Amino acid sequence: MPQSRPGPESPAGQEQPQEANVLRQLLRSPGYLRLLCLSALLGIPVSLAAFWFLVLIHKMETSLWTDLPKSLGWDVPPWWWPLPLLLVGGIVVGLVVTHLRGAGGHIPAGGMQTGGASSAALPGVIIAAAASLPLGAVLGPEAPLIALGGGLALLLRDIAQIPATPQSTALVGAAGAGAAIAVIFGSPLIAAVLLIEVAGVGGPQLFAVMLPALLSTGVGSLVFTGLGRWTGLHTGDLTMKVSAPVPHLDAADVGWALLIGAAVALALHPVMHGARVVARYVLARPLVRTVQCALAAAACISLYALITGRNPAEAAGSGQETLAELTKDPGAWGVGALIAVLVFKGAAYALCLGSMRGGPIFPALCLGGMAGVLLAPLPGLGLVPSLAACMAATAAAAMRLPVSSVVLVVVVLGGSAMVPVVILAAVVSFVVTELLPGGPTVPAVSGTASAPAAPAARP
């Protein structure tokens, strides 16, 4: 990169910051401009691949949890249904971890990661995700999508015979990851903010990474939005239609947001700590112990269905459909059912974070939604502020990315009325989480990139 020249003086007689000059030189570089054009082009195939990947996962989930039980004469799956499904899922993920390059992606208990994208790891990532997500693992699709997008972008770069440098690898991988992750969130903005926090960079380097990623996500959003309308296929996304009216904020909402942020962080801390303990336990004997943990998660889901008499699918999977149904008709859930799903889905979440392959975001939001409905009757609170505070707090405690948590929850809620509540709950939850003991670290599994999680678990 050429040396930056001293910038022109400002009206006050002071030179502009050197970072501005570095950025200006970067944007004038022919190589970087070519990279931006490549990022725009990459957004198309990566979004196509991510769209059909999500369609496949959604179709598999619907077939296994709805169509197959009905064809066998059950309106809803019986209580034992998760046991055989997650047994198969645990075996497949264990085999991927022990035999395929990349080990199926990083361990979700270690946090969100974007570094270390590899085209060679794509088969393992896809197989592990297909064996985890549709079969009931309490994880979301965001982490496999990041790996899929980054790996596919690098594969296309190699096919086009574009020279591979450390800088181009990082930027092309970020662009592909951004285009893919925007598909599931339905918003390039969420993907861009998420990548900013996960990448953990600043100054000119931030713009260098984010411009290709933002351009790729914008182009990709046009592709997947059009595909959803043209094909009529459903990928599964985070959508909420809250039946209650949005109230005006008052002092009680602010006070409850502060308390909920701290309480949720304290409640979720054992779950995340347990996930890291499970991850270290599984790494010693990946095949056998992955199966053990998958069956233990299945047992938690089955116990929920057996005790409550409700559909086991409510405690399984990412929670996308459950969250949508919950907010559409909160009255259909009794207090006992809400407490049961928080306990058993939370336990299954910890087990799956440490053993299976997927992402931490969607189940955390679902648990937050459940807690929001449970706490809504508190004096002076109400359903919408309670949902906003609880979902923001669980997202911040699980991801430890406060800004991404705020943007995500605001977009999911579909309006800005609850922004103060969301910000307060997310910030308090993040601070409390950071002050609590971090627990054991999660080492990289064999064959995966050793890029640190963002943020990494504290010792």
Protein backbone atom coordinates (compact mmCIF):
# COMPACT_ATOMS: atom_id res chain seq x y z
CA MET A 1 0.00 0.00 0.00
CA PRO A 2 1.49 3.39 -0.93
CA GLN A 3 2.66 5.69 1.79
CA SER A 4 0.03 8.18 2.88
CA ARG A 5 0.69 11.87 2.22
CA PRO A 6 0.09 14.51 4.83
CA GLY A 7 -3.52 15.55 4.52
CA PRO A 8 -4.71 19.06 3.77
CA GLU A 9 -5.06 21.33 6.73
CA SER A 10 -8.44 21.80 8.32
CA PRO A 11 -9.94 25.28 8.86
CA ALA A 12 -8.41 25.30 12.33
CA GLY A 13 -4.96 24.79 10.84
CA GLN A 14 -4.62 21.17 11.95
CA GLU A 15 -3.81 18.28 9.64
CA GLN A 16 -6.47 15.70 8.97
CA PRO A 17 -6.00 12.39 10.82
CA GLN A 18 -3.58 10.05 9.11
CA GLU A 19 -6.28 7.33 9.04
CA ALA A 20 -8.28 9.42 6.57
CA ASN A 21 -5.29 9.62 4.24
CA VAL A 22 -4.69 5.90 4.49
CA LEU A 23 -8.33 5.23 3.61
CA ARG A 24 -8.17 7.66 0.67
CA GLN A 25 -5.11 5.93 -0.73
CA LEU A 26 -6.80 2.56 -0.25
CA LEU A 27 -9.87 3.61 -2.19
CA ARG A 28 -7.68 4.91 -5.02
CA SER A 29 -5.83 1.60 -5.29
CA PRO A 30 -6.71 -0.29 -8.51
CA GLY A 31 -6.34 -3.60 -6.72
CA TYR A 32 -8.87 -2.64 -4.05
CA LEU A 33 -11.33 -1.32 -6.63
CA ARG A 34 -11.09 -4.62 -8.49
CA LEU A 35 -11.76 -6.37 -5.19
CA LEU A 36 -14.93 -4.30 -4.70
CA CYS A 37 -16.16 -5.33 -8.15
CA LEU A 38 -15.41 -8.94 -7.32
CA SER A 39 -17.34 -8.63 -4.05
CA ALA A 40 -20.40 -7.34 -5.91
CA LEU A 41 -20.24 -10.31 -8.27
CA LEU A 42 -19.66 -12.77 -5.43
CA GLY A 43 -22.88 -11.64 -3.74
CA ILE A 44 -24.92 -13.31 -6.48
CA PRO A 45 -23.67 -16.93 -6.39
CA VAL A 46 -23.12 -16.90 -2.62
CA SER A 47 -26.67 -15.69 -1.98
CA LEU A 48 -28.03 -18.29 -4.40
CA ALA A 49 -26.14 -21.03 -2.57
CA ALA A 50 -27.22 -19.74 0.85
CA PHE A 51 -30.85 -19.47 -0.26
CA TRP A 52 -31.03 -23.06 -1.51
CA PHE A 53 -29.11 -24.31 1.52
CA LEU A 54 -31.71 -22.75 3.80
CA VAL A 55 -34.54 -24.07 1.66
CA LEU A 56 -33.07 -27.57 1.98
CA ILE A 57 -32.70 -27.25 5.76
CA HIS A 58 -36.26 -25.92 6.10
CA LYS A 59 -37.72 -28.67 3.90
CA MET A 60 -35.86 -31.36 5.85
CA GLU A 61 -37.08 -29.92 9.16
CA THR A 62 -40.70 -29.75 7.96
CA SER A 63 -40.53 -33.30 6.62
CA LEU A 64 -39.03 -34.76 9.80
CA TRP A 65 -41.06 -32.86 12.39
CA THR A 66 -44.41 -32.35 10.64
CA ASP A 67 -44.97 -34.46 7.53
CA LEU A 68 -43.49 -37.75 8.71
CA PRO A 69 -45.36 -37.87 12.07
CA LYS A 70 -48.64 -37.06 10.29
CA SER A 71 -48.05 -39.81 7.74
CA LEU A 72 -47.62 -42.20 10.68
CA GLY A 73 -50.89 -41.10 12.28
CA TRP A 74 -49.74 -38.46 14.82
CA ASP A 75 -50.92 -34.86 14.73
CA VAL A 76 -47.71 -33.85 16.52
CA PRO A 77 -44.54 -35.88 17.06
CA PRO A 78 -44.67 -38.22 20.09
CA TRP A 79 -42.54 -37.36 23.13
CA TRP A 80 -39.77 -39.80 22.16
CA TRP A 81 -39.42 -38.46 18.61
CA PRO A 82 -36.21 -36.43 19.23
CA LEU A 83 -34.27 -39.48 20.45
CA PRO A 84 -33.77 -41.33 17.14
CA LEU A 85 -33.36 -38.11 15.17
CA LEU A 86 -30.61 -36.68 17.34
CA LEU A 87 -28.97 -40.10 17.64
CA VAL A 88 -28.51 -40.06 13.86
CA GLY A 89 -27.47 -36.41 13.98
CA GLY A 90 -24.87 -37.05 16.68
CA ILE A 91 -23.37 -39.98 14.78
CA VAL A 92 -23.08 -38.00 11.54
CA VAL A 93 -21.59 -34.92 13.23
CA GLY A 94 -19.14 -37.11 15.16
CA LEU A 95 -18.00 -38.78 11.94
CA VAL A 96 -17.60 -35.41 10.23
CA VAL A 97 -15.54 -34.04 13.12
CA THR A 98 -13.23 -37.05 13.13
CA HIS A 99 -12.89 -37.70 9.40
CA LEU A 100 -13.55 -34.61 7.27
CA ARG A 101 -11.31 -31.62 6.83
CA GLY A 102 -12.46 -28.61 8.83
CA ALA A 103 -14.32 -30.79 11.37
CA GLY A 104 -17.67 -29.41 10.25
CA GLY A 105 -16.87 -25.87 11.36
CA HIS A 106 -16.02 -24.29 14.67
CA ILE A 107 -17.59 -25.28 17.99
CA PRO A 108 -20.49 -22.87 18.60
CA ALA A 109 -19.71 -22.64 22.33
CA GLY A 110 -16.63 -20.64 21.33
CA GLY A 111 -18.70 -17.75 19.95
CA MET A 112 -19.22 -16.33 16.50
CA GLN A 113 -16.23 -16.56 14.13
CA THR A 114 -15.49 -15.27 10.64
CA GLY A 115 -11.78 -16.02 10.26
CA GLY A 116 -10.27 -19.14 8.74
CA ALA A 117 -12.75 -19.62 5.87
CA SER A 118 -11.73 -22.54 3.68
CA SER A 119 -13.16 -24.07 0.53
CA ALA A 120 -11.79 -27.46 1.59
CA ALA A 121 -14.00 -27.41 4.69
CA LEU A 122 -17.24 -26.84 2.74
CA PRO A 123 -18.34 -30.51 2.50
CA GLY A 124 -17.94 -31.03 6.25
CA VAL A 125 -19.73 -27.78 7.10
CA ILE A 126 -22.72 -28.62 4.91
CA ILE A 127 -23.02 -32.22 6.13
CA ALA A 128 -22.65 -31.30 9.81
CA ALA A 129 -25.23 -28.53 9.52
CA ALA A 130 -27.66 -30.81 7.69
CA ALA A 131 -27.21 -33.41 10.44
CA SER A 132 -27.65 -30.89 13.26
CA LEU A 133 -30.26 -28.29 12.36
CA PRO A 134 -33.16 -30.28 10.81
CA LEU A 135 -32.78 -33.17 13.26
CA GLY A 136 -33.49 -31.02 16.30
CA ALA A 137 -30.18 -29.61 17.56
CA VAL A 138 -30.89 -26.41 19.51
CA LEU A 139 -28.77 -24.22 17.26
CA GLY A 140 -29.28 -21.68 14.49
CA PRO A 141 -28.06 -21.64 10.88
CA GLU A 142 -25.96 -18.48 11.08
CA ALA A 143 -22.55 -20.07 11.80
CA PRO A 144 -22.78 -22.65 8.96
CA LEU A 145 -23.89 -19.85 6.64
CA ILE A 146 -20.82 -17.77 7.53
CA ALA A 147 -18.56 -20.75 6.81
CA LEU A 148 -20.49 -21.60 3.64
CA GLY A 149 -20.34 -18.04 2.30
CA GLY A 150 -16.68 -17.50 3.08
CA GLY A 151 -15.60 -20.89 1.76
CA LEU A 152 -17.64 -20.59 -1.43
CA ALA A 153 -16.29 -17.09 -2.11
CA LEU A 154 -12.72 -18.37 -1.82
CA LEU A 155 -13.53 -21.33 -4.06
CA LEU A 156 -14.89 -18.99 -6.74
CA ARG A 157 -11.81 -16.79 -6.40
CA ASP A 158 -9.59 -19.81 -7.00
CA ILE A 159 -11.68 -20.94 -9.98
CA ALA A 160 -11.30 -17.48 -11.47
CA GLN A 161 -7.53 -17.80 -10.89
CA ILE A 162 -7.32 -14.55 -8.95
CA PRO A 163 -4.04 -14.34 -7.02
CA ALA A 164 -4.44 -15.39 -3.40
CA THR A 165 -2.86 -13.07 -0.87
CA PRO A 166 -3.51 -12.84 2.89
CA GLN A 167 -5.37 -9.56 2.33
CA SER A 168 -7.54 -10.84 -0.52
CA THR A 169 -8.31 -14.01 1.41
CA ALA A 170 -9.54 -12.03 4.41
CA LEU A 171 -11.57 -9.58 2.35
CA VAL A 172 -13.10 -12.10 -0.06
CA GLY A 173 -13.94 -14.41 2.85
CA ALA A 174 -15.64 -11.53 4.69
CA ALA A 175 -17.61 -10.58 1.57
CA GLY A 176 -18.84 -14.13 1.10
CA ALA A 177 -19.73 -14.50 4.77
CA GLY A 178 -21.66 -11.24 4.70
CA ALA A 179 -23.66 -12.19 1.63
CA ALA A 180 -24.60 -15.54 3.13
CA ILE A 181 -25.49 -14.32 6.62
CA ALA A 182 -27.70 -11.56 5.20
CA VAL A 183 -29.97 -14.25 3.74
CA ILE A 184 -31.12 -15.64 7.08
CA PHE A 185 -31.46 -12.27 8.80
CA GLY A 186 -33.22 -10.76 5.80
CA SER A 187 -31.17 -7.57 6.14
CA PRO A 188 -27.74 -6.52 4.84
CA LEU A 189 -27.57 -4.06 7.75
CA ILE A 190 -27.61 -6.83 10.38
CA ALA A 191 -24.98 -8.79 8.49
CA ALA A 192 -22.71 -5.75 8.19
CA VAL A 193 -22.98 -4.80 11.87
CA LEU A 194 -22.45 -8.40 12.94
CA LEU A 195 -19.30 -8.69 10.84
CA ILE A 196 -17.98 -5.39 12.24
CA GLU A 197 -18.17 -6.70 15.80
CA VAL A 198 -17.02 -10.24 15.01
CA ALA A 199 -14.05 -9.04 12.97
CA GLY A 200 -13.00 -6.73 15.82
CA VAL A 201 -11.05 -4.32 13.66
CA GLY A 202 -11.05 -0.55 13.46
CA GLY A 203 -9.79 2.44 11.52
CA PRO A 204 -8.95 2.02 7.83
CA GLN A 205 -8.83 -1.74 8.29
CA LEU A 206 -12.49 -1.67 9.32
CA PHE A 207 -13.49 0.05 6.08
CA ALA A 208 -11.23 -2.23 4.07
CA VAL A 209 -13.03 -5.30 5.39
CA MET A 210 -16.54 -3.89 5.55
CA LEU A 211 -16.85 -2.23 2.13
CA PRO A 212 -16.55 -5.53 0.20
CA ALA A 213 -18.78 -7.26 2.74
CA LEU A 214 -21.42 -4.51 2.63
CA LEU A 215 -21.41 -4.40 -1.16
CA SER A 216 -21.70 -8.17 -1.38
CA THR A 217 -24.56 -8.27 1.14
CA GLY A 218 -26.44 -5.53 -0.71
CA VAL A 219 -26.23 -7.33 -4.04
CA GLY A 220 -27.03 -10.60 -2.35
CA SER A 221 -30.13 -9.17 -0.68
CA LEU A 222 -31.58 -8.39 -4.09
CA VAL A 223 -30.99 -11.97 -5.15
CA PHE A 224 -32.50 -13.80 -2.18
CA THR A 225 -35.43 -11.37 -1.88
CA GLY A 226 -36.31 -12.01 -5.48
CA LEU A 227 -35.86 -15.76 -5.15
CA GLY A 228 -38.24 -15.92 -2.21
CA ARG A 229 -40.93 -14.15 -4.21
CA TRP A 230 -40.37 -15.91 -7.51
CA THR A 231 -40.16 -19.46 -6.19
CA GLY A 232 -42.62 -19.21 -3.31
CA LEU A 233 -40.18 -21.25 -1.21
CA HIS A 234 -39.62 -20.54 2.47
CA THR A 235 -36.16 -20.55 4.01
CA GLY A 236 -37.16 -19.89 7.61
CA ASP A 237 -36.30 -16.52 9.08
CA LEU A 238 -36.66 -14.43 12.19
CA THR A 239 -40.05 -12.79 11.87
CA MET A 240 -42.39 -11.68 14.65
CA LYS A 241 -45.93 -10.38 14.52
CA VAL A 242 -46.63 -9.36 18.09
CA SER A 243 -50.36 -9.39 18.75
CA ALA A 244 -50.20 -6.75 21.50
CA PRO A 245 -50.13 -3.02 20.66
CA VAL A 246 -46.85 -1.15 21.07
CA PRO A 247 -47.16 1.06 24.17
CA HIS A 248 -45.47 4.36 24.92
CA LEU A 249 -42.33 3.98 26.99
CA ASP A 250 -42.44 5.07 30.60
CA ALA A 251 -40.19 4.98 33.67
CA ALA A 252 -41.36 1.49 34.62
CA ASP A 253 -40.19 0.07 31.27
CA VAL A 254 -36.76 1.61 31.76
CA GLY A 255 -36.46 0.26 35.29
CA TRP A 256 -37.55 -3.21 34.27
CA ALA A 257 -35.12 -3.16 31.32
CA LEU A 258 -32.20 -2.61 33.70
CA LEU A 259 -33.32 -5.38 36.05
CA ILE A 260 -34.10 -7.80 33.23
CA GLY A 261 -30.72 -7.20 31.60
CA ALA A 262 -28.90 -8.16 34.79
CA ALA A 263 -31.21 -11.07 35.66
CA VAL A 264 -31.03 -12.62 32.19
CA ALA A 265 -27.23 -12.39 32.16
CA LEU A 266 -27.09 -14.19 35.51
CA ALA A 267 -29.57 -16.83 34.35
CA LEU A 268 -27.85 -17.50 31.04
CA HIS A 269 -24.34 -17.60 32.49
CA PRO A 270 -24.59 -21.26 33.68
CA VAL A 271 -25.85 -22.25 30.23
CA MET A 272 -22.91 -20.68 28.39
CA HIS A 273 -20.44 -21.88 31.03
CA GLY A 274 -21.87 -25.40 30.74
CA ALA A 275 -21.56 -25.25 26.96
CA ARG A 276 -17.83 -24.59 27.23
CA VAL A 277 -17.43 -27.44 29.71
CA VAL A 278 -19.29 -29.74 27.30
CA ALA A 279 -17.06 -28.61 24.41
CA ARG A 280 -13.88 -29.54 26.27
CA TYR A 281 -15.43 -32.86 27.29
CA VAL A 282 -16.36 -33.73 23.70
CA LEU A 283 -12.95 -32.87 22.22
CA ALA A 284 -11.27 -35.72 24.10
CA ARG A 285 -13.32 -38.38 22.21
CA PRO A 286 -15.30 -36.54 19.51
CA LEU A 287 -17.29 -39.39 17.98
CA VAL A 288 -18.52 -41.14 21.13
CA ARG A 289 -19.08 -38.02 23.18
CA THR A 290 -20.82 -36.11 20.40
CA VAL A 291 -23.37 -38.94 20.28
CA GLN A 292 -23.68 -38.88 24.07
CA CYS A 293 -24.38 -35.16 24.14
CA ALA A 294 -26.81 -35.36 21.23
CA LEU A 295 -28.79 -38.04 23.05
CA ALA A 296 -28.70 -36.01 26.27
CA ALA A 297 -30.11 -33.00 24.38
CA ALA A 298 -32.79 -35.26 22.88
CA ALA A 299 -33.66 -36.49 26.36
CA CYS A 300 -34.15 -32.89 27.54
CA ILE A 301 -36.49 -32.20 24.62
CA SER A 302 -38.39 -35.45 25.20
CA LEU A 303 -38.78 -34.70 28.91
CA TYR A 304 -40.31 -31.34 28.04
CA ALA A 305 -42.89 -33.03 25.82
CA LEU A 306 -43.54 -35.83 28.33
CA ILE A 307 -44.03 -33.48 31.29
CA THR A 308 -46.08 -30.81 29.54
CA GLY A 309 -47.91 -32.94 26.96
CA ARG A 310 -46.93 -30.41 24.28
CA ASN A 311 -45.15 -30.75 20.95
CA PRO A 312 -41.45 -31.65 21.41
CA ALA A 313 -40.63 -29.44 18.42
CA GLU A 314 -41.21 -26.43 20.70
CA ALA A 315 -38.06 -27.28 22.65
CA ALA A 316 -36.06 -28.51 19.65
CA GLY A 317 -34.30 -26.72 16.84
CA SER A 318 -33.44 -23.07 16.41
CA GLY A 319 -36.78 -21.81 17.71
CA GLN A 320 -37.67 -19.69 14.65
CA GLU A 321 -41.14 -21.17 14.18
CA THR A 322 -41.75 -21.40 17.92
CA LEU A 323 -40.90 -17.74 18.41
CA ALA A 324 -43.28 -16.71 15.63
CA GLU A 325 -46.12 -18.80 17.09
CA LEU A 326 -45.40 -17.57 20.61
CA THR A 327 -45.62 -13.89 19.76
CA LYS A 328 -48.68 -14.41 17.59
CA ASP A 329 -50.65 -16.04 20.42
CA PRO A 330 -48.89 -15.66 23.81
CA GLY A 331 -52.01 -16.75 25.67
CA ALA A 332 -51.67 -20.29 24.29
CA TRP A 333 -48.74 -20.86 26.64
CA GLY A 334 -49.30 -21.40 30.34
CA VAL A 335 -46.78 -20.41 32.98
CA GLY A 336 -45.77 -24.04 33.52
CA ALA A 337 -45.11 -24.61 29.81
CA LEU A 338 -43.02 -21.44 29.57
CA ILE A 339 -40.91 -22.40 32.59
CA ALA A 340 -40.50 -25.95 31.26
CA VAL A 341 -39.37 -24.85 27.81
CA LEU A 342 -36.89 -22.39 29.33
CA VAL A 343 -35.40 -25.13 31.53
CA PHE A 344 -35.30 -28.00 29.05
CA LYS A 345 -34.53 -26.01 25.90
CA GLY A 346 -31.85 -24.13 27.84
CA ALA A 347 -30.23 -27.41 28.91
CA ALA A 348 -30.39 -28.80 25.37
CA TYR A 349 -28.96 -25.51 24.10
CA ALA A 350 -25.88 -25.87 26.32
CA LEU A 351 -25.34 -29.48 25.21
CA CYS A 352 -25.69 -28.65 21.51
CA LEU A 353 -23.44 -25.59 21.74
CA GLY A 354 -20.63 -27.80 22.98
CA SER A 355 -21.11 -30.78 20.67
CA MET A 356 -23.10 -30.14 17.48
CA ARG A 357 -22.62 -27.64 14.65
CA GLY A 358 -24.63 -24.46 14.22
CA GLY A 359 -24.92 -20.96 15.64
CA PRO A 360 -25.89 -19.52 19.03
CA ILE A 361 -28.11 -16.60 17.98
CA PHE A 362 -31.54 -18.00 17.09
CA PRO A 363 -32.08 -20.20 20.18
CA ALA A 364 -30.96 -17.32 22.41
CA LEU A 365 -33.60 -15.07 20.85
CA CYS A 366 -36.21 -17.80 21.25
CA LEU A 367 -35.35 -18.22 24.94
CA GLY A 368 -35.54 -14.47 25.31
CA GLY A 369 -38.98 -14.45 23.72
CA MET A 370 -40.16 -17.16 26.11
CA ALA A 371 -38.84 -15.21 29.08
CA GLY A 372 -40.47 -12.06 27.73
CA VAL A 373 -43.91 -13.66 27.62
CA LEU A 374 -43.37 -15.11 31.09
CA LEU A 375 -42.37 -11.75 32.61
CA ALA A 376 -44.87 -9.60 30.72
CA PRO A 377 -47.46 -9.57 33.56
CA LEU A 378 -45.02 -7.81 35.91
CA PRO A 379 -46.47 -4.51 37.18
CA GLY A 380 -45.97 -1.69 34.68
CA LEU A 381 -44.18 -3.84 32.08
CA GLY A 382 -46.34 -5.33 29.32
CA LEU A 383 -45.69 -7.80 26.49
CA VAL A 384 -43.80 -5.69 23.94
CA PRO A 385 -41.31 -4.03 26.35
CA SER A 386 -40.78 -7.38 28.06
CA LEU A 387 -40.04 -9.10 24.75
CA ALA A 388 -37.68 -6.30 23.71
CA ALA A 389 -35.73 -6.37 26.98
CA CYS A 390 -35.51 -10.15 27.30
CA MET A 391 -34.52 -10.80 23.69
CA ALA A 392 -31.88 -8.07 23.75
CA ALA A 393 -30.48 -9.39 27.03
CA THR A 394 -30.29 -13.03 25.88
CA ALA A 395 -28.71 -12.06 22.56
CA ALA A 396 -26.06 -9.90 24.23
CA ALA A 397 -25.28 -12.55 26.86
CA ALA A 398 -25.04 -15.38 24.31
CA MET A 399 -23.17 -13.56 21.52
CA ARG A 400 -21.33 -10.98 23.65
CA LEU A 401 -21.78 -8.58 20.73
CA PRO A 402 -23.88 -5.74 22.16
CA VAL A 403 -24.28 -3.57 19.06
CA SER A 404 -25.26 -6.53 16.87
CA SER A 405 -27.73 -7.62 19.53
CA VAL A 406 -29.41 -4.20 19.56
CA VAL A 407 -29.68 -3.96 15.76
CA LEU A 408 -30.92 -7.54 15.46
CA VAL A 409 -33.67 -7.21 18.06
CA VAL A 410 -34.83 -3.83 16.73
CA VAL A 411 -35.13 -5.26 13.21
CA VAL A 412 -36.88 -8.41 14.44
CA LEU A 413 -39.39 -6.34 16.42
CA GLY A 414 -40.07 -4.34 13.29
CA GLY A 415 -39.89 -0.83 14.72
CA SER A 416 -37.89 1.69 16.68
CA ALA A 417 -40.35 2.32 19.52
CA MET A 418 -38.51 -0.02 21.88
CA VAL A 419 -34.96 1.08 21.02
CA PRO A 420 -34.20 2.58 24.48
CA VAL A 421 -35.38 -0.57 26.24
CA VAL A 422 -33.38 -2.76 23.84
CA ILE A 423 -30.20 -0.73 24.32
CA LEU A 424 -30.43 -0.63 28.11
CA ALA A 425 -31.12 -4.35 28.44
CA ALA A 426 -28.37 -5.32 25.98
CA VAL A 427 -25.73 -3.09 27.58
CA VAL A 428 -26.52 -4.19 31.14
CA SER A 429 -26.58 -7.84 30.11
CA PHE A 430 -23.27 -7.51 28.26
CA VAL A 431 -21.56 -5.76 31.18
CA VAL A 432 -22.81 -8.29 33.73
CA THR A 433 -21.76 -11.16 31.46
CA GLU A 434 -18.27 -9.72 31.09
CA LEU A 435 -17.91 -9.29 34.86
CA LEU A 436 -18.91 -12.90 35.60
CA PRO A 437 -16.27 -15.68 35.54
CA GLY A 438 -15.70 -16.72 31.94
CA GLY A 439 -15.12 -20.42 32.53
CA PRO A 440 -12.93 -22.69 30.41
CA THR A 441 -11.77 -21.66 26.96
CA VAL A 442 -12.88 -23.57 23.88
CA PRO A 443 -9.87 -24.73 21.85
CA ALA A 444 -10.12 -25.14 18.09
CA VAL A 445 -11.02 -28.64 17.01
CA SER A 446 -8.54 -30.59 14.94
CA GLY A 447 -8.47 -29.40 11.37
CA THR A 448 -10.27 -26.13 11.92
CA ALA A 449 -8.88 -22.66 11.83
CA SER A 450 -7.56 -21.40 15.09
CA ALA A 451 -8.93 -17.91 14.60
CA PRO A 452 -10.15 -16.62 17.91
CA ALA A 453 -13.81 -16.45 18.65
CA ALA A 454 -15.34 -13.06 18.84
CA PRO A 455 -15.38 -12.43 21.62
CA ALA A 456 -13.26 -15.28 22.93
CA ALA A 457 -14.22 -16.99 26.13
CA ARG A 458 -12.27 -15.66 29.07
CA PRO A 459 -10.23 -18.08 31.17
